[in-house]
Amino acid sequence: MKIGALAEATGTPVETIRFYEREGLLPPPARADNNYRVYLPAHAERLAFIRQCRNLGMTLDEIRALIALRESPAQDCGEVNALLDEHIGHVAHRIRELRALEKDLKSLRARCAAPHALADCGILNGLDGAAAAPAAPAKRRHVHGAH
């Protein structure tokens, strides 16, 4: 199948498929005489595996490691367990960060219970005050997509 058919079959944008190829997560497909990529069912299977891992918030490096382990079926799954345990730790850390972020946002929201003139807006004044304050040691509170 061509890349468009693979994209449609897996619900994955074409650019994402190309990205996974560049990152070495998907093996390079064969090329037809017209130089079009020709994907096999194994590509769709690997892509489904990658997408499931991404849905679980795994990084590309974690996925790379799982793919390598998956290709050694005779090995025991201790490394897979360790990788997942580490990922669970990352998720727990992100949850704590998100809870702290939620608390900060609720505190900020509480500064403006009812609409009034923007000059008196507690939220905007709170943001301005925080922006003018000396920088505190970096506390990562904003969580970007996947860690």
Protein backbone atom coordinates (compact mmCIF):
# COMPACT_ATOMS: atom_id res chain seq x y z
CA MET A 1 0.00 0.00 0.00
CA LYS A 2 1.05 3.61 -0.51
CA ILE A 3 1.57 6.05 2.35
CA GLY A 4 -1.90 7.57 1.93
CA ALA A 5 -3.53 4.17 2.30
CA LEU A 6 -1.41 3.41 5.37
CA ALA A 7 -2.37 6.77 6.84
CA GLU A 8 -6.05 6.12 6.22
CA ALA A 9 -5.91 2.53 7.49
CA THR A 10 -4.22 3.53 10.74
CA GLY A 11 -5.68 7.00 11.31
CA THR A 12 -2.17 8.45 11.29
CA PRO A 13 -1.28 11.62 9.38
CA VAL A 14 1.16 11.13 6.50
CA GLU A 15 3.64 13.56 8.07
CA THR A 16 3.61 11.55 11.30
CA ILE A 17 4.40 8.37 9.36
CA ARG A 18 7.30 10.11 7.65
CA PHE A 19 8.50 11.43 11.02
CA TYR A 20 8.46 7.92 12.53
CA GLU A 21 10.47 6.70 9.53
CA ARG A 22 13.06 9.46 9.99
CA GLU A 23 13.26 8.61 13.70
CA GLY A 24 13.89 4.95 12.88
CA LEU A 25 10.70 3.74 14.58
CA LEU A 26 9.25 2.46 11.32
CA PRO A 27 11.50 0.44 9.05
CA PRO A 28 12.09 2.01 5.66
CA PRO A 29 9.54 0.75 3.15
CA ALA A 30 10.46 -0.70 -0.20
CA ARG A 31 10.20 1.63 -3.17
CA ALA A 32 8.19 0.97 -6.30
CA ASP A 33 9.58 1.69 -9.78
CA ASN A 34 8.01 5.15 -9.57
CA ASN A 35 9.87 5.69 -6.23
CA TYR A 36 6.65 5.62 -4.20
CA ARG A 37 6.93 4.03 -0.78
CA VAL A 38 5.34 0.58 -0.62
CA TYR A 39 4.14 -0.40 2.86
CA LEU A 40 3.39 -3.90 4.04
CA PRO A 41 0.99 -5.13 6.74
CA ALA A 42 4.00 -5.28 9.09
CA HIS A 43 4.31 -1.49 8.77
CA ALA A 44 0.67 -1.04 9.79
CA GLU A 45 1.21 -3.38 12.75
CA ARG A 46 4.32 -1.50 13.88
CA LEU A 47 2.53 1.83 13.45
CA ALA A 48 -0.38 0.58 15.59
CA PHE A 49 2.13 -0.44 18.28
CA ILE A 50 3.80 3.00 18.14
CA ARG A 51 0.46 4.79 18.32
CA GLN A 52 -0.60 2.73 21.34
CA CYS A 53 2.66 3.60 23.09
CA ARG A 54 2.19 7.30 22.24
CA ASN A 55 -1.39 7.10 23.58
CA LEU A 56 0.17 5.96 26.85
CA GLY A 57 2.42 9.03 26.83
CA MET A 58 5.65 7.19 26.08
CA THR A 59 8.59 9.03 24.63
CA LEU A 60 10.18 8.09 21.33
CA ASP A 61 13.19 6.70 23.21
CA GLU A 62 10.93 4.52 25.35
CA ILE A 63 9.17 3.27 22.23
CA ARG A 64 12.51 2.62 20.54
CA ALA A 65 13.57 0.51 23.53
CA LEU A 66 10.29 -1.43 23.53
CA ILE A 67 10.58 -2.11 19.79
CA ALA A 68 14.11 -3.44 20.28
CA LEU A 69 12.93 -5.65 23.14
CA ARG A 70 9.90 -6.78 21.15
CA GLU A 71 12.22 -8.02 18.41
CA SER A 72 13.94 -10.35 20.90
CA PRO A 73 11.01 -12.57 21.95
CA ALA A 74 13.22 -15.20 23.62
CA GLN A 75 14.42 -12.67 26.21
CA ASP A 76 12.53 -12.32 29.50
CA CYS A 77 10.36 -9.29 30.06
CA GLY A 78 12.29 -7.82 33.01
CA GLU A 79 13.52 -4.88 30.94
CA VAL A 80 10.01 -4.19 29.70
CA ASN A 81 8.77 -4.16 33.29
CA ALA A 82 11.57 -1.81 34.33
CA LEU A 83 10.85 0.53 31.43
CA LEU A 84 7.16 0.63 32.28
CA ASP A 85 7.87 1.16 35.99
CA GLU A 86 10.07 4.13 35.09
CA HIS A 87 7.37 5.51 32.80
CA ILE A 88 4.79 5.15 35.58
CA GLY A 89 7.12 7.25 37.75
CA HIS A 90 7.21 9.94 35.04
CA VAL A 91 3.41 9.91 34.85
CA ALA A 92 3.10 10.24 38.65
CA HIS A 93 5.49 13.21 38.53
CA ARG A 94 3.45 14.83 35.75
CA ILE A 95 0.27 14.33 37.77
CA ARG A 96 1.84 16.13 40.74
CA GLU A 97 2.90 18.96 38.43
CA LEU A 98 -0.57 19.21 36.95
CA ARG A 99 -2.18 19.28 40.41
CA ALA A 100 0.15 22.12 41.42
CA LEU A 101 -0.68 23.93 38.18
CA GLU A 102 -4.40 23.45 38.81
CA LYS A 103 -4.02 24.85 42.33
CA ASP A 104 -2.17 27.92 40.99
CA LEU A 105 -4.80 28.49 38.31
CA LYS A 106 -7.68 28.16 40.79
CA SER A 107 -5.96 30.59 43.13
CA LEU A 108 -5.55 33.04 40.27
CA ARG A 109 -9.17 32.53 39.18
CA ALA A 110 -10.38 33.25 42.73
CA ARG A 111 -8.93 36.76 42.44
CA CYS A 112 -11.75 37.81 40.14
CA ALA A 113 -15.12 36.50 41.32
CA ALA A 114 -17.26 38.84 39.21
CA PRO A 115 -16.64 40.81 36.02
CA HIS A 116 -15.52 44.42 36.43
CA ALA A 117 -13.32 46.88 34.56
CA LEU A 118 -10.16 45.30 33.17
CA ALA A 119 -8.07 47.81 35.12
CA ASP A 120 -9.39 46.16 38.29
CA CYS A 121 -9.23 42.56 37.07
CA GLY A 122 -7.70 40.44 39.80
CA ILE A 123 -6.48 37.84 37.33
CA LEU A 124 -4.66 40.31 35.10
CA ASN A 125 -3.26 42.15 38.11
CA GLY A 126 -2.10 38.86 39.60
CA LEU A 127 -0.39 37.90 36.35
CA ASP A 128 1.24 41.32 36.12
CA GLY A 129 2.42 41.09 39.73
CA ALA A 130 3.87 37.63 39.20
CA ALA A 131 5.60 38.75 36.01
CA ALA A 132 7.17 41.74 37.79
CA ALA A 133 8.39 39.73 40.78
CA PRO A 134 12.00 38.59 40.87
CA ALA A 135 12.43 35.23 39.21
CA ALA A 136 12.19 32.37 41.65
CA PRO A 137 14.19 29.20 41.15
CA ALA A 138 12.78 27.39 38.16
CA LYS A 139 9.84 25.21 39.08
CA ARG A 140 8.52 23.34 36.10
CA ARG A 141 4.79 23.67 36.35
CA HIS A 142 3.67 23.65 32.74
CA VAL A 143 3.46 20.15 31.34
CA HIS A 144 4.03 19.87 27.61
CA GLY A 145 2.35 17.00 25.77
CA ALA A 146 4.44 14.00 26.47
CA HIS A 147 7.45 14.24 28.76
